[in-house]
Amino acid sequence: MKTIHRNPNVMWREEADALAQVREALERGDEAEETGTSVLFSGGTMLSLNFLGTEIWKLCDGRTLDGIVAELLPQFEVDEAVLREDAQAFLDELAAKGFIAYAE
């Protein structure tokens, strides 16, 4: 199975205030999908990630998709198949933009 690795040339940072706001909103049961909690920079391209995107990004450390889904599943109230599909689509987008790479 393919492992997933962040491109070491990508600079990124988490937005601490936004992250705290999202966590508080999620604890209340509010929606927070549109709030950016981290920013990626590479080759003149900037990408803002929401909370789920940020958590997926942080797990792109040589894990497989299965490993990422297993880590995230307890944190989110979502069906595993939905999480897997969303994570794969997001990872494919990151790969197309050169932010991550898949390795055998």
N, C-alpha and C. Protein backbone atom coordinates (compact mmCIF):
# COMPACT_ATOMS: atom_id res chain seq x y z
N MET A 1 0.84 -1.19 0.00
CA MET A 1 0.00 0.00 0.00
C MET A 1 0.89 1.25 0.00
N LYS A 2 0.43 2.28 -0.67
CA LYS A 2 1.21 3.51 -0.80
C LYS A 2 1.29 4.27 0.52
N THR A 3 2.47 4.80 0.79
CA THR A 3 2.64 5.69 1.93
C THR A 3 2.58 7.13 1.42
N ILE A 4 2.24 8.02 2.32
CA ILE A 4 2.00 9.42 1.94
C ILE A 4 2.98 10.30 2.70
N HIS A 5 3.66 11.18 1.95
CA HIS A 5 4.71 12.01 2.53
C HIS A 5 4.51 13.47 2.14
N ARG A 6 4.65 14.38 3.13
CA ARG A 6 4.62 15.81 2.84
C ARG A 6 5.86 16.17 2.03
N ASN A 7 5.71 17.07 1.09
CA ASN A 7 6.83 17.62 0.34
C ASN A 7 7.65 18.47 1.31
N PRO A 8 8.94 18.15 1.50
CA PRO A 8 9.74 18.90 2.47
C PRO A 8 9.96 20.36 2.08
N ASN A 9 9.67 20.72 0.84
CA ASN A 9 9.83 22.11 0.40
C ASN A 9 8.60 22.97 0.68
N VAL A 10 7.55 22.36 1.20
CA VAL A 10 6.34 23.10 1.52
C VAL A 10 6.49 23.71 2.91
N MET A 11 6.31 25.02 2.97
CA MET A 11 6.29 25.69 4.28
C MET A 11 4.83 25.69 4.75
N TRP A 12 4.63 25.53 6.05
CA TRP A 12 3.27 25.55 6.57
C TRP A 12 3.25 26.02 8.00
N ARG A 13 2.09 26.51 8.38
CA ARG A 13 1.91 26.92 9.78
C ARG A 13 0.45 26.72 10.16
N GLU A 14 0.27 26.39 11.42
CA GLU A 14 -1.08 26.30 11.97
C GLU A 14 -1.44 27.68 12.52
N GLU A 15 -2.68 28.03 12.37
CA GLU A 15 -3.21 29.29 12.89
C GLU A 15 -3.81 28.99 14.26
N ALA A 16 -3.07 29.29 15.33
CA ALA A 16 -3.45 28.90 16.69
C ALA A 16 -4.82 29.43 17.10
N ASP A 17 -5.10 30.71 16.82
CA ASP A 17 -6.39 31.28 17.22
C ASP A 17 -7.54 30.60 16.50
N ALA A 18 -7.39 30.41 15.19
CA ALA A 18 -8.44 29.75 14.41
C ALA A 18 -8.63 28.31 14.87
N LEU A 19 -7.54 27.63 15.17
CA LEU A 19 -7.62 26.25 15.64
C LEU A 19 -8.40 26.17 16.95
N ALA A 20 -8.13 27.08 17.87
CA ALA A 20 -8.84 27.11 19.14
C ALA A 20 -10.33 27.38 18.93
N GLN A 21 -10.66 28.29 18.02
CA GLN A 21 -12.06 28.60 17.73
C GLN A 21 -12.78 27.39 17.13
N VAL A 22 -12.12 26.69 16.25
CA VAL A 22 -12.73 25.52 15.62
C VAL A 22 -12.96 24.43 16.66
N ARG A 23 -11.98 24.19 17.50
CA ARG A 23 -12.15 23.15 18.53
C ARG A 23 -13.32 23.48 19.45
N GLU A 24 -13.44 24.75 19.84
CA GLU A 24 -14.57 25.17 20.69
C GLU A 24 -15.89 24.98 19.95
N ALA A 25 -15.94 25.34 18.68
CA ALA A 25 -17.16 25.17 17.90
C ALA A 25 -17.54 23.70 17.79
N LEU A 26 -16.57 22.85 17.53
CA LEU A 26 -16.84 21.42 17.41
C LEU A 26 -17.32 20.83 18.73
N GLU A 27 -16.77 21.29 19.84
CA GLU A 27 -17.21 20.80 21.15
C GLU A 27 -18.67 21.18 21.41
N ARG A 28 -19.09 22.34 20.89
CA ARG A 28 -20.48 22.78 21.03
C ARG A 28 -21.40 22.07 20.04
N GLY A 29 -20.81 21.37 19.07
CA GLY A 29 -21.60 20.72 18.04
C GLY A 29 -21.89 21.61 16.84
N ASP A 30 -21.20 22.74 16.76
CA ASP A 30 -21.38 23.67 15.65
C ASP A 30 -20.55 23.24 14.45
N GLU A 31 -20.94 23.72 13.28
CA GLU A 31 -20.19 23.48 12.05
C GLU A 31 -18.98 24.43 12.02
N ALA A 32 -17.86 23.93 11.51
CA ALA A 32 -16.65 24.76 11.41
C ALA A 32 -15.84 24.41 10.17
N GLU A 33 -16.50 23.84 9.18
CA GLU A 33 -15.80 23.36 7.99
C GLU A 33 -15.14 24.46 7.18
N GLU A 34 -15.67 25.66 7.24
CA GLU A 34 -15.19 26.74 6.40
C GLU A 34 -14.03 27.53 7.02
N THR A 35 -13.71 27.27 8.27
CA THR A 35 -12.67 28.02 8.95
C THR A 35 -11.29 27.42 8.68
N GLY A 36 -10.39 28.24 8.18
CA GLY A 36 -9.02 27.79 7.92
C GLY A 36 -8.23 27.69 9.21
N THR A 37 -7.52 26.58 9.39
CA THR A 37 -6.72 26.40 10.60
C THR A 37 -5.23 26.25 10.31
N SER A 38 -4.87 26.16 9.02
CA SER A 38 -3.46 26.14 8.66
C SER A 38 -3.31 26.65 7.23
N VAL A 39 -2.08 27.02 6.90
CA VAL A 39 -1.77 27.54 5.58
C VAL A 39 -0.53 26.83 5.07
N LEU A 40 -0.58 26.40 3.80
CA LEU A 40 0.56 25.78 3.14
C LEU A 40 1.07 26.74 2.06
N PHE A 41 2.40 26.81 1.92
CA PHE A 41 3.02 27.65 0.89
C PHE A 41 4.03 26.82 0.11
N SER A 42 3.95 26.90 -1.22
CA SER A 42 4.93 26.20 -2.04
C SER A 42 4.95 26.79 -3.44
N GLY A 43 6.12 27.19 -3.90
CA GLY A 43 6.29 27.65 -5.27
C GLY A 43 5.33 28.74 -5.68
N GLY A 44 5.05 29.68 -4.79
CA GLY A 44 4.13 30.76 -5.09
C GLY A 44 2.67 30.42 -4.90
N THR A 45 2.38 29.20 -4.49
CA THR A 45 1.00 28.78 -4.25
C THR A 45 0.73 28.73 -2.76
N MET A 46 -0.41 29.28 -2.37
CA MET A 46 -0.82 29.24 -0.97
C MET A 46 -2.15 28.49 -0.90
N LEU A 47 -2.28 27.64 0.09
CA LEU A 47 -3.50 26.86 0.27
C LEU A 47 -3.90 26.91 1.74
N SER A 48 -5.13 27.31 2.00
CA SER A 48 -5.66 27.34 3.36
C SER A 48 -6.42 26.05 3.61
N LEU A 49 -6.15 25.41 4.74
CA LEU A 49 -6.80 24.13 5.08
C LEU A 49 -7.75 24.31 6.25
N ASN A 50 -8.89 23.64 6.18
CA ASN A 50 -9.79 23.61 7.32
C ASN A 50 -9.26 22.60 8.35
N PHE A 51 -10.02 22.40 9.41
CA PHE A 51 -9.55 21.55 10.51
C PHE A 51 -9.25 20.13 10.05
N LEU A 52 -10.17 19.52 9.31
CA LEU A 52 -9.93 18.16 8.83
C LEU A 52 -8.72 18.12 7.90
N GLY A 53 -8.64 19.07 7.00
CA GLY A 53 -7.49 19.14 6.10
C GLY A 53 -6.18 19.26 6.85
N THR A 54 -6.18 20.09 7.89
CA THR A 54 -4.98 20.26 8.70
C THR A 54 -4.60 18.96 9.39
N GLU A 55 -5.58 18.27 9.94
CA GLU A 55 -5.29 17.01 10.62
C GLU A 55 -4.76 15.96 9.64
N ILE A 56 -5.34 15.90 8.44
CA ILE A 56 -4.83 14.98 7.43
C ILE A 56 -3.41 15.35 7.05
N TRP A 57 -3.16 16.64 6.81
CA TRP A 57 -1.82 17.12 6.44
C TRP A 57 -0.77 16.69 7.47
N LYS A 58 -1.09 16.85 8.74
CA LYS A 58 -0.13 16.50 9.79
C LYS A 58 0.18 15.01 9.82
N LEU A 59 -0.73 14.19 9.32
CA LEU A 59 -0.54 12.74 9.33
C LEU A 59 0.15 12.22 8.06
N CYS A 60 0.50 13.11 7.15
CA CYS A 60 1.21 12.71 5.92
C CYS A 60 2.69 12.56 6.23
N ASP A 61 2.99 11.62 7.08
CA ASP A 61 4.35 11.43 7.59
C ASP A 61 4.87 10.03 7.30
N GLY A 62 4.36 9.45 6.21
CA GLY A 62 4.76 8.10 5.84
C GLY A 62 3.69 7.07 6.14
N ARG A 63 2.55 7.53 6.62
CA ARG A 63 1.42 6.63 6.87
C ARG A 63 0.72 6.29 5.56
N THR A 64 -0.10 5.29 5.62
CA THR A 64 -0.96 4.94 4.50
C THR A 64 -2.31 5.64 4.69
N LEU A 65 -3.15 5.57 3.68
CA LEU A 65 -4.51 6.11 3.82
C LEU A 65 -5.22 5.40 4.97
N ASP A 66 -5.06 4.08 5.07
CA ASP A 66 -5.68 3.33 6.16
C ASP A 66 -5.22 3.86 7.52
N GLY A 67 -3.94 4.16 7.64
CA GLY A 67 -3.40 4.68 8.90
C GLY A 67 -3.96 6.05 9.23
N ILE A 68 -4.10 6.89 8.23
CA ILE A 68 -4.65 8.23 8.44
C ILE A 68 -6.12 8.13 8.87
N VAL A 69 -6.88 7.30 8.17
CA VAL A 69 -8.30 7.14 8.50
C VAL A 69 -8.45 6.57 9.91
N ALA A 70 -7.66 5.58 10.27
CA ALA A 70 -7.74 4.98 11.60
C ALA A 70 -7.43 6.00 12.69
N GLU A 71 -6.51 6.90 12.43
CA GLU A 71 -6.14 7.94 13.40
C GLU A 71 -7.25 8.98 13.55
N LEU A 72 -7.90 9.32 12.45
CA LEU A 72 -8.90 10.38 12.46
C LEU A 72 -10.29 9.93 12.87
N LEU A 73 -10.62 8.69 12.62
CA LEU A 73 -11.99 8.20 12.84
C LEU A 73 -12.51 8.47 14.25
N PRO A 74 -11.73 8.25 15.31
CA PRO A 74 -12.26 8.53 16.65
C PRO A 74 -12.52 10.02 16.91
N GLN A 75 -11.91 10.90 16.13
CA GLN A 75 -12.05 12.34 16.35
C GLN A 75 -13.27 12.95 15.68
N PHE A 76 -13.83 12.26 14.70
CA PHE A 76 -14.92 12.84 13.91
C PHE A 76 -16.11 11.90 13.89
N GLU A 77 -17.30 12.46 14.01
CA GLU A 77 -18.53 11.66 13.96
C GLU A 77 -18.94 11.52 12.50
N VAL A 78 -18.31 10.55 11.84
CA VAL A 78 -18.57 10.34 10.43
C VAL A 78 -18.38 8.86 10.12
N ASP A 79 -19.10 8.39 9.12
CA ASP A 79 -18.95 7.01 8.68
C ASP A 79 -17.55 6.81 8.11
N GLU A 80 -16.94 5.67 8.38
CA GLU A 80 -15.58 5.40 7.92
C GLU A 80 -15.45 5.52 6.40
N ALA A 81 -16.43 5.02 5.68
CA ALA A 81 -16.36 5.09 4.21
C ALA A 81 -16.38 6.53 3.71
N VAL A 82 -17.16 7.38 4.36
CA VAL A 82 -17.22 8.80 3.99
C VAL A 82 -15.89 9.47 4.28
N LEU A 83 -15.33 9.20 5.46
CA LEU A 83 -14.04 9.78 5.83
C LEU A 83 -12.95 9.33 4.86
N ARG A 84 -12.96 8.06 4.53
CA ARG A 84 -11.95 7.51 3.60
C ARG A 84 -12.06 8.19 2.24
N GLU A 85 -13.27 8.32 1.74
CA GLU A 85 -13.48 8.94 0.43
C GLU A 85 -13.04 10.41 0.44
N ASP A 86 -13.44 11.13 1.49
CA ASP A 86 -13.07 12.55 1.59
C ASP A 86 -11.55 12.71 1.73
N ALA A 87 -10.94 11.87 2.56
CA ALA A 87 -9.48 11.95 2.76
C ALA A 87 -8.75 11.63 1.47
N GLN A 88 -9.19 10.62 0.74
CA GLN A 88 -8.53 10.26 -0.52
C GLN A 88 -8.64 11.40 -1.54
N ALA A 89 -9.81 11.99 -1.65
CA ALA A 89 -10.00 13.10 -2.59
C ALA A 89 -9.11 14.28 -2.21
N PHE A 90 -9.02 14.57 -0.93
CA PHE A 90 -8.17 15.67 -0.48
C PHE A 90 -6.70 15.37 -0.74
N LEU A 91 -6.27 14.15 -0.45
CA LEU A 91 -4.87 13.76 -0.69
C LEU A 91 -4.54 13.81 -2.18
N ASP A 92 -5.46 13.39 -3.01
CA ASP A 92 -5.23 13.45 -4.46
C ASP A 92 -5.08 14.90 -4.92
N GLU A 93 -5.85 15.80 -4.33
CA GLU A 93 -5.73 17.23 -4.65
C GLU A 93 -4.36 17.76 -4.22
N LEU A 94 -3.93 17.38 -3.01
CA LEU A 94 -2.60 17.81 -2.53
C LEU A 94 -1.50 17.27 -3.42
N ALA A 95 -1.64 16.01 -3.85
CA ALA A 95 -0.63 15.41 -4.72
C ALA A 95 -0.58 16.12 -6.07
N ALA A 96 -1.73 16.45 -6.61
CA ALA A 96 -1.78 17.13 -7.91
C ALA A 96 -1.10 18.49 -7.84
N LYS A 97 -1.15 19.13 -6.67
CA LYS A 97 -0.53 20.45 -6.49
C LYS A 97 0.93 20.35 -6.04
N GLY A 98 1.42 19.12 -5.82
CA GLY A 98 2.80 18.92 -5.42
C GLY A 98 3.08 19.09 -3.94
N PHE A 99 2.03 19.15 -3.12
CA PHE A 99 2.22 19.32 -1.68
C PHE A 99 2.59 18.01 -0.99
N ILE A 100 2.14 16.88 -1.55
CA ILE A 100 2.50 15.56 -1.01
C ILE A 100 2.93 14.66 -2.15
N ALA A 101 3.49 13.51 -1.78
CA ALA A 101 3.85 12.49 -2.76
C ALA A 101 3.49 11.13 -2.18
N TYR A 102 3.11 10.23 -3.07
CA TYR A 102 2.86 8.84 -2.71
C TYR A 102 4.13 8.03 -2.98
N ALA A 103 4.42 7.09 -2.12
CA ALA A 103 5.58 6.20 -2.32
C ALA A 103 5.12 4.77 -2.09
N GLU A 104 5.77 3.85 -2.79
CA GLU A 104 5.47 2.41 -2.63
C GLU A 104 6.15 1.87 -1.40
